[in-house]
Amino acid sequence: MGNNNNLVPGFNDERDDSLKINLEKLEDVENGIIIYLNGYIDTYNSNFFQKRIQKVVESGFINLVFNCASLNYVSSTGIGSFTAFLKMIKPKNGDIVLLEIQPKVYEVFQLLGFSQFFNIKESMAEATLFFHQGAPSTDSVFPKVFSCPVCSKRLKATKKGRFRCSECKSILAIDDGGQVFLG
């Protein structure tokens, strides 16, 4: 997969031995790309990871499929990177699918309460179908019932904005699409 620079000019200019990233155009999805992750994402390489994906988005790819079959570990900082990508592409009507995520990596997403924010699929066919059907309609997401990403307390939001979890006192933000974030 030596075509990274053909798809995204300058993509291979920077490298990191702990995380190898390969790109493949997702032919039947508009502005779609498959991002193969091999290695791990932690505090030390998350900046590298974010800069590479930002280059992908700046090149016009907004429907991102992260193939996580060879991703062995993700720290909370790494999950923060995925959340940053969502914030980057959602305003452009893009979306993210996490594909073939390993159980131990999925567990980190679950423990931190982020598994519900991402579209996690088992096969490329499911991922492609997701983009063709579009994300679930966000015409009326409020009132929204969700679990606090910190303490898992069931909460209800009547509108977008910032508020504090009644259980753990974490500050949460919810956007008009119903996505919940820390802070």
C-alpha atoms as a PDB file:
ATOM      1  CA  MET A   1       0.000   0.000   0.000  1.00  0.00           C
ATOM      2  CA  GLY A   2       2.585   2.514  -1.093  1.00  0.00           C
ATOM      3  CA  ASN A   3      -0.024   4.897  -2.489  1.00  0.00           C
ATOM      4  CA  ASN A   4      -0.427   6.990   0.682  1.00  0.00           C
ATOM      5  CA  ASN A   5       1.243  10.033  -0.901  1.00  0.00           C
ATOM      6  CA  ASN A   6      -0.867   9.622  -4.069  1.00  0.00           C
ATOM      7  CA  LEU A   7      -4.087   9.832  -2.020  1.00  0.00           C
ATOM      8  CA  VAL A   8      -2.883  12.449   0.461  1.00  0.00           C
ATOM      9  CA  PRO A   9       0.123  14.495  -0.723  1.00  0.00           C
ATOM     10  CA  GLY A  10       2.919  14.469   1.870  1.00  0.00           C
ATOM     11  CA  PHE A  11       1.241  11.834   4.024  1.00  0.00           C
ATOM     12  CA  ASN A  12       4.401   9.727   4.412  1.00  0.00           C
ATOM     13  CA  ASP A  13       6.633  12.723   5.196  1.00  0.00           C
ATOM     14  CA  GLU A  14       6.479  11.865   8.880  1.00  0.00           C
ATOM     15  CA  ARG A  15       6.660   8.359  10.337  1.00  0.00           C
ATOM     16  CA  ASP A  16       6.373   6.697  13.731  1.00  0.00           C
ATOM     17  CA  ASP A  17       7.620   3.170  14.426  1.00  0.00           C
ATOM     18  CA  SER A  18       4.914   2.500  17.019  1.00  0.00           C
ATOM     19  CA  LEU A  19       2.020   3.240  14.641  1.00  0.00           C
ATOM     20  CA  LYS A  20       1.978   2.460  10.952  1.00  0.00           C
ATOM     21  CA  ILE A  21      -0.844   3.997   8.913  1.00  0.00           C
ATOM     22  CA  ASN A  22      -1.823   2.938   5.393  1.00  0.00           C
ATOM     23  CA  LEU A  23      -4.527   4.487   3.265  1.00  0.00           C
ATOM     24  CA  GLU A  24      -6.842   3.023   0.658  1.00  0.00           C
ATOM     25  CA  LYS A  25      -9.559   4.894  -1.196  1.00  0.00           C
ATOM     26  CA  LEU A  26     -13.041   3.640  -0.341  1.00  0.00           C
ATOM     27  CA  GLU A  27     -14.312   3.413  -3.919  1.00  0.00           C
ATOM     28  CA  ASP A  28     -18.060   3.171  -3.387  1.00  0.00           C
ATOM     29  CA  VAL A  29     -18.354   5.855  -0.682  1.00  0.00           C
ATOM     30  CA  GLU A  30     -18.171   9.544  -1.570  1.00  0.00           C
ATOM     31  CA  ASN A  31     -15.114  11.194   0.041  1.00  0.00           C
ATOM     32  CA  GLY A  32     -14.413   7.836   1.712  1.00  0.00           C
ATOM     33  CA  ILE A  33     -11.088   6.392   2.769  1.00  0.00           C
ATOM     34  CA  ILE A  34      -9.951   3.322   4.700  1.00  0.00           C
ATOM     35  CA  ILE A  35      -7.244   4.007   7.252  1.00  0.00           C
ATOM     36  CA  TYR A  36      -5.364   0.851   8.287  1.00  0.00           C
ATOM     37  CA  LEU A  37      -3.843   1.187  11.756  1.00  0.00           C
ATOM     38  CA  ASN A  38      -1.016  -1.132  12.791  1.00  0.00           C
ATOM     39  CA  GLY A  39       0.544  -0.833  16.253  1.00  0.00           C
ATOM     40  CA  TYR A  40      -0.746   1.212  19.151  1.00  0.00           C
ATOM     41  CA  ILE A  41      -1.929   4.728  19.999  1.00  0.00           C
ATOM     42  CA  ASP A  42      -0.863   6.293  23.288  1.00  0.00           C
ATOM     43  CA  THR A  43       0.204   9.614  24.813  1.00  0.00           C
ATOM     44  CA  TYR A  44       3.546   9.567  22.994  1.00  0.00           C
ATOM     45  CA  ASN A  45       2.319   9.058  19.424  1.00  0.00           C
ATOM     46  CA  SER A  46      -1.191  10.537  19.519  1.00  0.00           C
ATOM     47  CA  ASN A  47       0.057  13.888  18.207  1.00  0.00           C
ATOM     48  CA  PHE A  48       1.620  12.106  15.205  1.00  0.00           C
ATOM     49  CA  PHE A  49      -1.668  10.208  14.695  1.00  0.00           C
ATOM     50  CA  GLN A  50      -3.756  13.393  14.848  1.00  0.00           C
ATOM     51  CA  LYS A  51      -1.502  15.257  12.398  1.00  0.00           C
ATOM     52  CA  ARG A  52      -1.673  12.387   9.874  1.00  0.00           C
ATOM     53  CA  ILE A  53      -5.482  12.159  10.030  1.00  0.00           C
ATOM     54  CA  GLN A  54      -5.812  15.938   9.844  1.00  0.00           C
ATOM     55  CA  LYS A  55      -3.887  15.738   6.548  1.00  0.00           C
ATOM     56  CA  VAL A  56      -6.386  13.121   5.328  1.00  0.00           C
ATOM     57  CA  VAL A  57      -9.350  15.359   6.207  1.00  0.00           C
ATOM     58  CA  GLU A  58      -7.675  18.428   4.660  1.00  0.00           C
ATOM     59  CA  SER A  59      -7.363  16.398   1.434  1.00  0.00           C
ATOM     60  CA  GLY A  60     -11.162  16.135   1.296  1.00  0.00           C
ATOM     61  CA  PHE A  61     -11.770  12.736   2.878  1.00  0.00           C
ATOM     62  CA  ILE A  62     -14.547  13.075   5.457  1.00  0.00           C
ATOM     63  CA  ASN A  63     -15.983   9.550   5.561  1.00  0.00           C
ATOM     64  CA  LEU A  64     -13.314   7.671   7.473  1.00  0.00           C
ATOM     65  CA  VAL A  65     -13.158   3.937   8.075  1.00  0.00           C
ATOM     66  CA  PHE A  66     -10.479   3.063  10.621  1.00  0.00           C
ATOM     67  CA  ASN A  67      -9.517  -0.592  10.158  1.00  0.00           C
ATOM     68  CA  CYS A  68      -8.411  -1.547  13.682  1.00  0.00           C
ATOM     69  CA  ALA A  69      -7.658  -5.251  13.059  1.00  0.00           C
ATOM     70  CA  SER A  70      -3.931  -4.643  13.721  1.00  0.00           C
ATOM     71  CA  LEU A  71      -4.378  -1.985  16.389  1.00  0.00           C
ATOM     72  CA  ASN A  72      -3.139  -3.630  19.585  1.00  0.00           C
ATOM     73  CA  TYR A  73      -3.685  -0.889  22.162  1.00  0.00           C
ATOM     74  CA  VAL A  74      -5.376   2.493  22.557  1.00  0.00           C
ATOM     75  CA  SER A  75      -4.888   4.690  25.619  1.00  0.00           C
ATOM     76  CA  SER A  76      -7.401   7.278  26.777  1.00  0.00           C
ATOM     77  CA  THR A  77      -5.320   9.867  24.886  1.00  0.00           C
ATOM     78  CA  GLY A  78      -5.752   7.790  21.728  1.00  0.00           C
ATOM     79  CA  ILE A  79      -9.504   7.704  22.228  1.00  0.00           C
ATOM     80  CA  GLY A  80      -9.355  11.474  22.634  1.00  0.00           C
ATOM     81  CA  SER A  81      -7.799  11.575  19.149  1.00  0.00           C
ATOM     82  CA  PHE A  82     -10.750   9.688  17.666  1.00  0.00           C
ATOM     83  CA  THR A  83     -13.111  12.115  19.415  1.00  0.00           C
ATOM     84  CA  ALA A  84     -11.167  15.048  17.924  1.00  0.00           C
ATOM     85  CA  PHE A  85     -11.615  13.511  14.460  1.00  0.00           C
ATOM     86  CA  LEU A  86     -15.374  13.331  15.001  1.00  0.00           C
ATOM     87  CA  LYS A  87     -15.398  17.030  15.925  1.00  0.00           C
ATOM     88  CA  MET A  88     -13.340  17.743  12.803  1.00  0.00           C
ATOM     89  CA  ILE A  89     -15.544  15.914  10.262  1.00  0.00           C
ATOM     90  CA  LYS A  90     -19.098  16.103  11.671  1.00  0.00           C
ATOM     91  CA  PRO A  91     -19.513  19.789  10.664  1.00  0.00           C
ATOM     92  CA  LYS A  92     -18.518  18.727   7.113  1.00  0.00           C
ATOM     93  CA  ASN A  93     -21.247  16.026   7.120  1.00  0.00           C
ATOM     94  CA  GLY A  94     -18.642  13.290   7.459  1.00  0.00           C
ATOM     95  CA  ASP A  95     -18.563  10.323   9.791  1.00  0.00           C
ATOM     96  CA  ILE A  96     -16.300   7.657  11.257  1.00  0.00           C
ATOM     97  CA  VAL A  97     -16.590   3.879  11.349  1.00  0.00           C
ATOM     98  CA  LEU A  98     -14.288   1.746  13.481  1.00  0.00           C
ATOM     99  CA  LEU A  99     -13.841  -1.607  11.797  1.00  0.00           C
ATOM    100  CA  GLU A 100     -12.660  -4.998  13.101  1.00  0.00           C
ATOM    101  CA  ILE A 101     -11.801  -3.558  16.515  1.00  0.00           C
ATOM    102  CA  GLN A 102      -9.991  -6.025  18.789  1.00  0.00           C
ATOM    103  CA  PRO A 103     -11.772  -6.984  22.028  1.00  0.00           C
ATOM    104  CA  LYS A 104      -9.069  -5.510  24.300  1.00  0.00           C
ATOM    105  CA  VAL A 105      -9.185  -2.205  22.374  1.00  0.00           C
ATOM    106  CA  TYR A 106     -13.000  -2.159  22.374  1.00  0.00           C
ATOM    107  CA  GLU A 107     -12.882  -2.694  26.135  1.00  0.00           C
ATOM    108  CA  VAL A 108     -10.979   0.600  26.570  1.00  0.00           C
ATOM    109  CA  PHE A 109     -13.633   2.423  24.524  1.00  0.00           C
ATOM    110  CA  GLN A 110     -16.316   0.788  26.664  1.00  0.00           C
ATOM    111  CA  LEU A 111     -14.642   1.435  30.017  1.00  0.00           C
ATOM    112  CA  LEU A 112     -14.248   5.118  29.179  1.00  0.00           C
ATOM    113  CA  GLY A 113     -17.838   5.317  27.932  1.00  0.00           C
ATOM    114  CA  PHE A 114     -16.984   6.104  24.324  1.00  0.00           C
ATOM    115  CA  SER A 115     -18.227   2.948  22.582  1.00  0.00           C
ATOM    116  CA  GLN A 116     -21.659   4.556  22.131  1.00  0.00           C
ATOM    117  CA  PHE A 117     -20.220   7.577  20.258  1.00  0.00           C
ATOM    118  CA  PHE A 118     -18.605   5.595  17.474  1.00  0.00           C
ATOM    119  CA  ASN A 119     -20.032   3.447  14.708  1.00  0.00           C
ATOM    120  CA  ILE A 120     -18.339   0.110  15.308  1.00  0.00           C
ATOM    121  CA  LYS A 121     -18.753  -2.447  12.517  1.00  0.00           C
ATOM    122  CA  GLU A 122     -17.506  -5.987  11.984  1.00  0.00           C
ATOM    123  CA  SER A 123     -17.137  -6.020   8.184  1.00  0.00           C
ATOM    124  CA  MET A 124     -16.336  -3.696   5.297  1.00  0.00           C
ATOM    125  CA  ALA A 125     -19.797  -4.441   3.868  1.00  0.00           C
ATOM    126  CA  GLU A 126     -21.417  -3.163   7.096  1.00  0.00           C
ATOM    127  CA  ALA A 127     -19.233  -0.041   7.022  1.00  0.00           C
ATOM    128  CA  THR A 128     -20.113   0.711   3.395  1.00  0.00           C
ATOM    129  CA  LEU A 129     -23.804   0.142   4.086  1.00  0.00           C
ATOM    130  CA  PHE A 130     -23.626   2.584   7.011  1.00  0.00           C
ATOM    131  CA  PHE A 131     -22.365   5.365   4.725  1.00  0.00           C
ATOM    132  CA  HIS A 132     -24.958   4.599   2.048  1.00  0.00           C
ATOM    133  CA  GLN A 133     -27.811   4.648   4.550  1.00  0.00           C
ATOM    134  CA  GLY A 134     -26.406   7.681   6.261  1.00  0.00           C
ATOM    135  CA  ALA A 135     -26.149   8.268   9.949  1.00  0.00           C
ATOM    136  CA  PRO A 136     -29.364   7.978  11.928  1.00  0.00           C
ATOM    137  CA  SER A 137     -31.545  11.039  11.469  1.00  0.00           C
ATOM    138  CA  THR A 138     -30.794  13.794  13.945  1.00  0.00           C
ATOM    139  CA  ASP A 139     -34.021  15.721  13.355  1.00  0.00           C
ATOM    140  CA  SER A 140     -35.089  15.350  16.956  1.00  0.00           C
ATOM    141  CA  VAL A 141     -32.448  13.874  19.244  1.00  0.00           C
ATOM    142  CA  PHE A 142     -33.704  15.687  22.325  1.00  0.00           C
ATOM    143  CA  PRO A 143     -34.603  14.768  24.938  1.00  0.00           C
ATOM    144  CA  LYS A 144     -31.608  12.414  24.868  1.00  0.00           C
ATOM    145  CA  VAL A 145     -30.961   9.735  27.475  1.00  0.00           C
ATOM    146  CA  PHE A 146     -27.325   8.611  27.741  1.00  0.00           C
ATOM    147  CA  SER A 147     -24.721   7.311  30.174  1.00  0.00           C
ATOM    148  CA  CYS A 148     -22.138   9.608  31.697  1.00  0.00           C
ATOM    149  CA  PRO A 149     -18.797   8.730  30.023  1.00  0.00           C
ATOM    150  CA  VAL A 150     -17.071   8.915  33.429  1.00  0.00           C
ATOM    151  CA  CYS A 151     -19.356   7.160  35.929  1.00  0.00           C
ATOM    152  CA  SER A 152     -22.007   5.555  33.656  1.00  0.00           C
ATOM    153  CA  LYS A 153     -24.899   7.267  35.480  1.00  0.00           C
ATOM    154  CA  ARG A 154     -27.981   7.462  33.238  1.00  0.00           C
ATOM    155  CA  LEU A 155     -28.621  11.112  32.380  1.00  0.00           C
ATOM    156  CA  LYS A 156     -31.133  13.046  30.305  1.00  0.00           C
ATOM    157  CA  ALA A 157     -30.430  16.178  28.277  1.00  0.00           C
ATOM    158  CA  THR A 158     -33.305  18.303  27.005  1.00  0.00           C
ATOM    159  CA  LYS A 159     -31.144  20.501  24.747  1.00  0.00           C
ATOM    160  CA  LYS A 160     -27.571  21.028  23.595  1.00  0.00           C
ATOM    161  CA  GLY A 161     -25.122  22.702  25.937  1.00  0.00           C
ATOM    162  CA  ARG A 162     -22.830  22.095  28.905  1.00  0.00           C
ATOM    163  CA  PHE A 163     -23.889  20.634  32.203  1.00  0.00           C
ATOM    164  CA  ARG A 164     -22.592  18.689  35.202  1.00  0.00           C
ATOM    165  CA  CYS A 165     -23.212  14.983  35.897  1.00  0.00           C
ATOM    166  CA  SER A 166     -25.375  14.696  38.989  1.00  0.00           C
ATOM    167  CA  GLU A 167     -23.378  11.684  40.204  1.00  0.00           C
ATOM    168  CA  CYS A 168     -19.655  12.313  39.615  1.00  0.00           C
ATOM    169  CA  LYS A 169     -19.845  16.083  38.959  1.00  0.00           C
ATOM    170  CA  SER A 170     -17.937  15.786  35.642  1.00  0.00           C
ATOM    171  CA  ILE A 171     -18.610  18.607  33.207  1.00  0.00           C
ATOM    172  CA  LEU A 172     -20.204  17.277  30.025  1.00  0.00           C
ATOM    173  CA  ALA A 173     -21.068  18.921  26.726  1.00  0.00           C
ATOM    174  CA  ILE A 174     -23.716  17.735  24.287  1.00  0.00           C
ATOM    175  CA  ASP A 175     -23.934  19.067  20.740  1.00  0.00           C
ATOM    176  CA  ASP A 176     -27.048  19.510  18.625  1.00  0.00           C
ATOM    177  CA  GLY A 177     -26.466  16.079  17.095  1.00  0.00           C
ATOM    178  CA  GLY A 178     -26.675  14.478  20.549  1.00  0.00           C
ATOM    179  CA  GLN A 179     -22.932  13.676  20.778  1.00  0.00           C
ATOM    180  CA  VAL A 180     -21.663  13.831  24.364  1.00  0.00           C
ATOM    181  CA  PHE A 181     -18.147  14.999  25.216  1.00  0.00           C
ATOM    182  CA  LEU A 182     -16.172  15.673  28.371  1.00  0.00           C
ATOM    183  CA  GLY A 183     -15.698  19.324  29.181  1.00  0.00           C
END
